[in-house]
Amino acid sequence: MLYKFKSKVTGDVIMLQANGQHMLEIIGKHSTSEPSIKGILLPEQMPQAMQALKEAVQREEAQQQEAITQAQAENLPVPRFEAISLRQRTLPFMDMIRQCLKTKEAITWGV
């Protein structure tokens, strides 16, 4: 399954199911008890969503840096991480949110 995020002012942002669900979990629109196959992100919810995405990226980067530092301190091989970082995955979605916030347009998925 794919997640296709749509708005009236931007092109679609398409993500694989796992990545789309992760984005929705970060912004509070998906949980294992309440899967979000379709939904809407309203303009008034977008500032909080942007902040949540930024904080998630910062957390991931801090955890990765900590793992690298710890490995170096223990003379272990540097750990490997996913080839595509959360920062890279969130960028198109965050751009979409910025554009929609400027024009006060909602973002929908699964509809």
N, C-alpha and C. Protein backbone atom coordinates (compact mmCIF):
# COMPACT_ATOMS: atom_id res chain seq x y z
N MET A 1 0.84 -1.18 0.00
CA MET A 1 0.00 0.00 0.00
C MET A 1 0.88 1.24 0.00
N LEU A 2 0.40 2.27 -0.65
CA LEU A 2 1.09 3.56 -0.69
C LEU A 2 0.24 4.60 0.03
N TYR A 3 0.91 5.59 0.58
CA TYR A 3 0.22 6.77 1.11
C TYR A 3 0.41 7.87 0.08
N LYS A 4 -0.71 8.46 -0.32
CA LYS A 4 -0.67 9.56 -1.28
C LYS A 4 -1.25 10.79 -0.58
N PHE A 5 -0.38 11.73 -0.24
CA PHE A 5 -0.80 12.96 0.41
C PHE A 5 -1.11 13.98 -0.69
N LYS A 6 -2.31 14.58 -0.60
CA LYS A 6 -2.77 15.48 -1.66
C LYS A 6 -3.18 16.82 -1.07
N SER A 7 -3.03 17.84 -1.90
CA SER A 7 -3.55 19.17 -1.56
C SER A 7 -3.90 19.88 -2.86
N LYS A 8 -4.61 20.98 -2.71
CA LYS A 8 -5.00 21.75 -3.90
C LYS A 8 -3.89 22.66 -4.40
N VAL A 9 -2.84 22.86 -3.59
CA VAL A 9 -1.81 23.83 -3.96
C VAL A 9 -0.44 23.23 -4.25
N THR A 10 -0.28 21.92 -4.06
CA THR A 10 1.01 21.29 -4.32
C THR A 10 0.81 20.00 -5.11
N GLY A 11 1.91 19.46 -5.58
CA GLY A 11 1.86 18.13 -6.16
C GLY A 11 1.68 17.11 -5.06
N ASP A 12 1.34 15.89 -5.43
CA ASP A 12 1.16 14.83 -4.45
C ASP A 12 2.50 14.40 -3.87
N VAL A 13 2.49 13.97 -2.62
CA VAL A 13 3.64 13.36 -1.98
C VAL A 13 3.25 11.91 -1.74
N ILE A 14 4.02 11.00 -2.33
CA ILE A 14 3.70 9.57 -2.25
C ILE A 14 4.79 8.87 -1.44
N MET A 15 4.35 8.04 -0.49
CA MET A 15 5.27 7.30 0.36
C MET A 15 4.83 5.85 0.45
N LEU A 16 5.81 4.96 0.65
CA LEU A 16 5.48 3.57 0.94
C LEU A 16 4.74 3.52 2.27
N GLN A 17 4.00 2.46 2.50
CA GLN A 17 3.15 2.35 3.68
C GLN A 17 3.91 2.60 4.98
N ALA A 18 5.04 1.95 5.17
CA ALA A 18 5.78 2.10 6.43
C ALA A 18 6.22 3.54 6.65
N ASN A 19 6.70 4.19 5.60
CA ASN A 19 7.15 5.58 5.73
C ASN A 19 5.99 6.53 5.96
N GLY A 20 4.89 6.33 5.26
CA GLY A 20 3.71 7.16 5.44
C GLY A 20 3.15 7.03 6.83
N GLN A 21 3.08 5.81 7.32
CA GLN A 21 2.57 5.59 8.67
C GLN A 21 3.49 6.25 9.70
N HIS A 22 4.79 6.16 9.47
CA HIS A 22 5.74 6.79 10.39
C HIS A 22 5.52 8.30 10.44
N MET A 23 5.33 8.94 9.28
CA MET A 23 5.05 10.39 9.26
C MET A 23 3.78 10.70 10.04
N LEU A 24 2.76 9.89 9.82
CA LEU A 24 1.48 10.13 10.50
C LEU A 24 1.60 9.87 12.00
N GLU A 25 2.40 8.89 12.40
CA GLU A 25 2.63 8.66 13.83
C GLU A 25 3.31 9.87 14.47
N ILE A 26 4.29 10.41 13.78
CA ILE A 26 5.03 11.56 14.31
C ILE A 26 4.09 12.74 14.54
N ILE A 27 3.18 12.97 13.60
CA ILE A 27 2.29 14.14 13.74
C ILE A 27 1.00 13.82 14.50
N GLY A 28 0.91 12.59 15.01
CA GLY A 28 -0.23 12.23 15.85
C GLY A 28 -1.49 11.85 15.10
N LYS A 29 -1.34 11.43 13.85
CA LYS A 29 -2.51 11.07 13.05
C LYS A 29 -2.62 9.57 12.79
N HIS A 30 -1.78 8.76 13.45
CA HIS A 30 -1.80 7.31 13.23
C HIS A 30 -1.28 6.62 14.48
N SER A 31 -1.91 5.54 14.83
CA SER A 31 -1.40 4.68 15.90
C SER A 31 -1.81 3.25 15.57
N THR A 32 -1.21 2.31 16.24
CA THR A 32 -1.55 0.91 15.97
C THR A 32 -3.00 0.61 16.35
N SER A 33 -3.51 1.31 17.36
CA SER A 33 -4.90 1.10 17.74
C SER A 33 -5.87 1.85 16.83
N GLU A 34 -5.38 2.91 16.18
CA GLU A 34 -6.20 3.71 15.27
C GLU A 34 -5.47 3.93 13.96
N PRO A 35 -5.39 2.92 13.08
CA PRO A 35 -4.69 3.12 11.81
C PRO A 35 -5.38 4.21 10.99
N SER A 36 -4.57 4.98 10.29
CA SER A 36 -5.09 6.10 9.53
C SER A 36 -4.96 5.84 8.04
N ILE A 37 -5.88 5.06 7.50
CA ILE A 37 -5.86 4.76 6.07
C ILE A 37 -6.23 6.00 5.27
N LYS A 38 -7.15 6.79 5.82
CA LYS A 38 -7.47 8.06 5.20
C LYS A 38 -7.67 9.11 6.27
N GLY A 39 -7.42 10.35 5.89
CA GLY A 39 -7.54 11.40 6.88
C GLY A 39 -7.26 12.77 6.29
N ILE A 40 -7.20 13.74 7.20
CA ILE A 40 -6.99 15.12 6.81
C ILE A 40 -6.12 15.82 7.85
N LEU A 41 -5.25 16.67 7.37
CA LEU A 41 -4.44 17.55 8.22
C LEU A 41 -4.91 18.97 7.92
N LEU A 42 -5.56 19.56 8.89
CA LEU A 42 -6.12 20.90 8.72
C LEU A 42 -5.05 21.97 8.91
N PRO A 43 -5.24 23.14 8.30
CA PRO A 43 -4.24 24.21 8.44
C PRO A 43 -3.92 24.55 9.89
N GLU A 44 -4.92 24.53 10.76
CA GLU A 44 -4.65 24.87 12.16
C GLU A 44 -3.83 23.80 12.89
N GLN A 45 -3.73 22.60 12.32
CA GLN A 45 -2.94 21.52 12.90
C GLN A 45 -1.51 21.50 12.36
N MET A 46 -1.27 22.24 11.30
CA MET A 46 0.02 22.17 10.60
C MET A 46 1.21 22.70 11.40
N PRO A 47 1.09 23.80 12.16
CA PRO A 47 2.26 24.23 12.94
C PRO A 47 2.73 23.16 13.94
N GLN A 48 1.80 22.49 14.60
CA GLN A 48 2.16 21.43 15.53
C GLN A 48 2.79 20.26 14.78
N ALA A 49 2.25 19.94 13.60
CA ALA A 49 2.80 18.84 12.80
C ALA A 49 4.23 19.15 12.38
N MET A 50 4.48 20.39 11.95
CA MET A 50 5.84 20.79 11.55
C MET A 50 6.80 20.67 12.73
N GLN A 51 6.36 21.13 13.89
CA GLN A 51 7.21 21.07 15.08
C GLN A 51 7.50 19.61 15.45
N ALA A 52 6.50 18.77 15.38
CA ALA A 52 6.70 17.35 15.71
C ALA A 52 7.69 16.70 14.74
N LEU A 53 7.60 17.02 13.46
CA LEU A 53 8.53 16.46 12.47
C LEU A 53 9.95 16.96 12.73
N LYS A 54 10.09 18.25 13.01
CA LYS A 54 11.43 18.80 13.30
C LYS A 54 12.04 18.13 14.52
N GLU A 55 11.25 17.96 15.56
CA GLU A 55 11.76 17.34 16.79
C GLU A 55 12.14 15.88 16.55
N ALA A 56 11.36 15.17 15.74
CA ALA A 56 11.68 13.77 15.43
C ALA A 56 13.00 13.67 14.67
N VAL A 57 13.21 14.57 13.73
CA VAL A 57 14.47 14.58 12.98
C VAL A 57 15.63 14.86 13.91
N GLN A 58 15.48 15.84 14.79
CA GLN A 58 16.54 16.18 15.74
C GLN A 58 16.85 15.01 16.68
N ARG A 59 15.80 14.32 17.14
CA ARG A 59 15.99 13.15 18.00
C ARG A 59 16.78 12.06 17.29
N GLU A 60 16.37 11.77 16.03
CA GLU A 60 17.06 10.72 15.29
C GLU A 60 18.52 11.08 15.08
N GLU A 61 18.79 12.31 14.71
CA GLU A 61 20.18 12.72 14.47
C GLU A 61 21.00 12.68 15.75
N ALA A 62 20.41 13.08 16.87
CA ALA A 62 21.13 13.03 18.15
C ALA A 62 21.42 11.58 18.55
N GLN A 63 20.45 10.68 18.35
CA GLN A 63 20.65 9.27 18.68
C GLN A 63 21.75 8.67 17.81
N GLN A 64 21.75 9.02 16.53
CA GLN A 64 22.78 8.49 15.64
C GLN A 64 24.17 9.01 16.04
N GLN A 65 24.24 10.29 16.36
CA GLN A 65 25.53 10.86 16.77
C GLN A 65 26.01 10.23 18.06
N GLU A 66 25.10 9.99 18.98
CA GLU A 66 25.45 9.35 20.24
C GLU A 66 25.96 7.93 20.00
N ALA A 67 25.32 7.19 19.10
CA ALA A 67 25.75 5.82 18.78
C ALA A 67 27.14 5.84 18.15
N ILE A 68 27.41 6.80 17.30
CA ILE A 68 28.73 6.92 16.67
C ILE A 68 29.80 7.23 17.73
N THR A 69 29.49 8.19 18.59
CA THR A 69 30.43 8.58 19.64
C THR A 69 30.73 7.42 20.57
N GLN A 70 29.70 6.68 20.94
CA GLN A 70 29.88 5.54 21.84
C GLN A 70 30.72 4.45 21.17
N ALA A 71 30.45 4.18 19.90
CA ALA A 71 31.21 3.17 19.18
C ALA A 71 32.68 3.56 19.09
N GLN A 72 32.94 4.83 18.81
CA GLN A 72 34.32 5.30 18.71
C GLN A 72 35.03 5.21 20.06
N ALA A 73 34.30 5.54 21.13
CA ALA A 73 34.89 5.48 22.47
C ALA A 73 35.24 4.05 22.86
N GLU A 74 34.48 3.09 22.37
CA GLU A 74 34.70 1.68 22.70
C GLU A 74 35.52 0.95 21.62
N ASN A 75 36.05 1.72 20.68
CA ASN A 75 36.84 1.16 19.56
C ASN A 75 36.07 0.09 18.79
N LEU A 76 34.79 0.33 18.57
CA LEU A 76 33.95 -0.57 17.79
C LEU A 76 33.71 0.03 16.42
N PRO A 77 33.27 -0.78 15.45
CA PRO A 77 32.95 -0.22 14.15
C PRO A 77 31.80 0.79 14.27
N VAL A 78 31.86 1.79 13.44
CA VAL A 78 30.80 2.81 13.43
C VAL A 78 29.51 2.15 12.97
N PRO A 79 28.41 2.35 13.68
CA PRO A 79 27.15 1.70 13.29
C PRO A 79 26.64 2.23 11.94
N ARG A 80 25.91 1.37 11.28
CA ARG A 80 25.28 1.75 10.00
C ARG A 80 23.84 2.13 10.26
N PHE A 81 23.38 3.10 9.51
CA PHE A 81 22.00 3.57 9.63
C PHE A 81 21.32 3.43 8.28
N GLU A 82 20.02 3.64 8.26
CA GLU A 82 19.29 3.56 6.99
C GLU A 82 19.91 4.53 5.99
N ALA A 83 19.90 4.13 4.73
CA ALA A 83 20.50 4.96 3.68
C ALA A 83 19.77 6.30 3.54
N ILE A 84 18.47 6.29 3.76
CA ILE A 84 17.69 7.52 3.66
C ILE A 84 17.26 7.92 5.07
N SER A 85 17.72 9.08 5.49
CA SER A 85 17.45 9.53 6.85
C SER A 85 16.02 10.06 6.98
N LEU A 86 15.61 10.21 8.23
CA LEU A 86 14.29 10.78 8.49
C LEU A 86 14.23 12.21 7.95
N ARG A 87 15.33 12.95 8.05
CA ARG A 87 15.36 14.32 7.52
C ARG A 87 15.02 14.31 6.02
N GLN A 88 15.62 13.38 5.28
CA GLN A 88 15.36 13.29 3.85
C GLN A 88 13.92 12.86 3.56
N ARG A 89 13.40 11.95 4.37
CA ARG A 89 12.04 11.46 4.15
C ARG A 89 10.99 12.53 4.47
N THR A 90 11.27 13.36 5.48
CA THR A 90 10.28 14.36 5.88
C THR A 90 10.29 15.59 4.99
N LEU A 91 11.37 15.85 4.29
CA LEU A 91 11.50 17.08 3.52
C LEU A 91 10.35 17.35 2.56
N PRO A 92 9.96 16.41 1.69
CA PRO A 92 8.85 16.70 0.77
C PRO A 92 7.53 16.96 1.51
N PHE A 93 7.30 16.21 2.58
CA PHE A 93 6.07 16.38 3.36
C PHE A 93 6.07 17.73 4.07
N MET A 94 7.21 18.12 4.61
CA MET A 94 7.30 19.42 5.29
C MET A 94 7.14 20.57 4.30
N ASP A 95 7.69 20.42 3.10
CA ASP A 95 7.48 21.44 2.06
C ASP A 95 6.00 21.57 1.72
N MET A 96 5.33 20.42 1.62
CA MET A 96 3.89 20.42 1.35
C MET A 96 3.14 21.15 2.46
N ILE A 97 3.49 20.84 3.69
CA ILE A 97 2.82 21.49 4.82
C ILE A 97 3.04 23.00 4.78
N ARG A 98 4.28 23.44 4.51
CA ARG A 98 4.57 24.89 4.44
C ARG A 98 3.70 25.57 3.39
N GLN A 99 3.63 24.98 2.20
CA GLN A 99 2.84 25.58 1.13
C GLN A 99 1.36 25.62 1.48
N CYS A 100 0.85 24.55 2.06
CA CYS A 100 -0.56 24.48 2.42
C CYS A 100 -0.88 25.44 3.56
N LEU A 101 0.06 25.61 4.47
CA LEU A 101 -0.14 26.54 5.58
C LEU A 101 -0.24 27.98 5.07
N LYS A 102 0.60 28.33 4.09
CA LYS A 102 0.56 29.68 3.51
C LYS A 102 -0.79 29.99 2.89
N THR A 103 -1.37 29.01 2.23
CA THR A 103 -2.63 29.22 1.51
C THR A 103 -3.85 28.72 2.27
N LYS A 104 -3.62 28.22 3.50
CA LYS A 104 -4.71 27.73 4.36
C LYS A 104 -5.50 26.59 3.70
N GLU A 105 -4.78 25.68 3.05
CA GLU A 105 -5.39 24.52 2.42
C GLU A 105 -5.07 23.25 3.21
N ALA A 106 -6.00 22.34 3.27
CA ALA A 106 -5.82 21.07 4.00
C ALA A 106 -5.02 20.08 3.16
N ILE A 107 -4.45 19.11 3.84
CA ILE A 107 -3.78 17.97 3.21
C ILE A 107 -4.62 16.75 3.52
N THR A 108 -4.89 15.96 2.50
CA THR A 108 -5.68 14.74 2.69
C THR A 108 -4.87 13.53 2.22
N TRP A 109 -5.27 12.36 2.69
CA TRP A 109 -4.69 11.10 2.21
C TRP A 109 -5.78 10.04 2.24
N GLY A 110 -5.67 9.11 1.30
CA GLY A 110 -6.58 7.98 1.26
C GLY A 110 -7.99 8.29 0.79
N VAL A 111 -8.19 9.46 0.23
CA VAL A 111 -9.54 9.83 -0.26
C VAL A 111 -9.51 10.06 -1.75
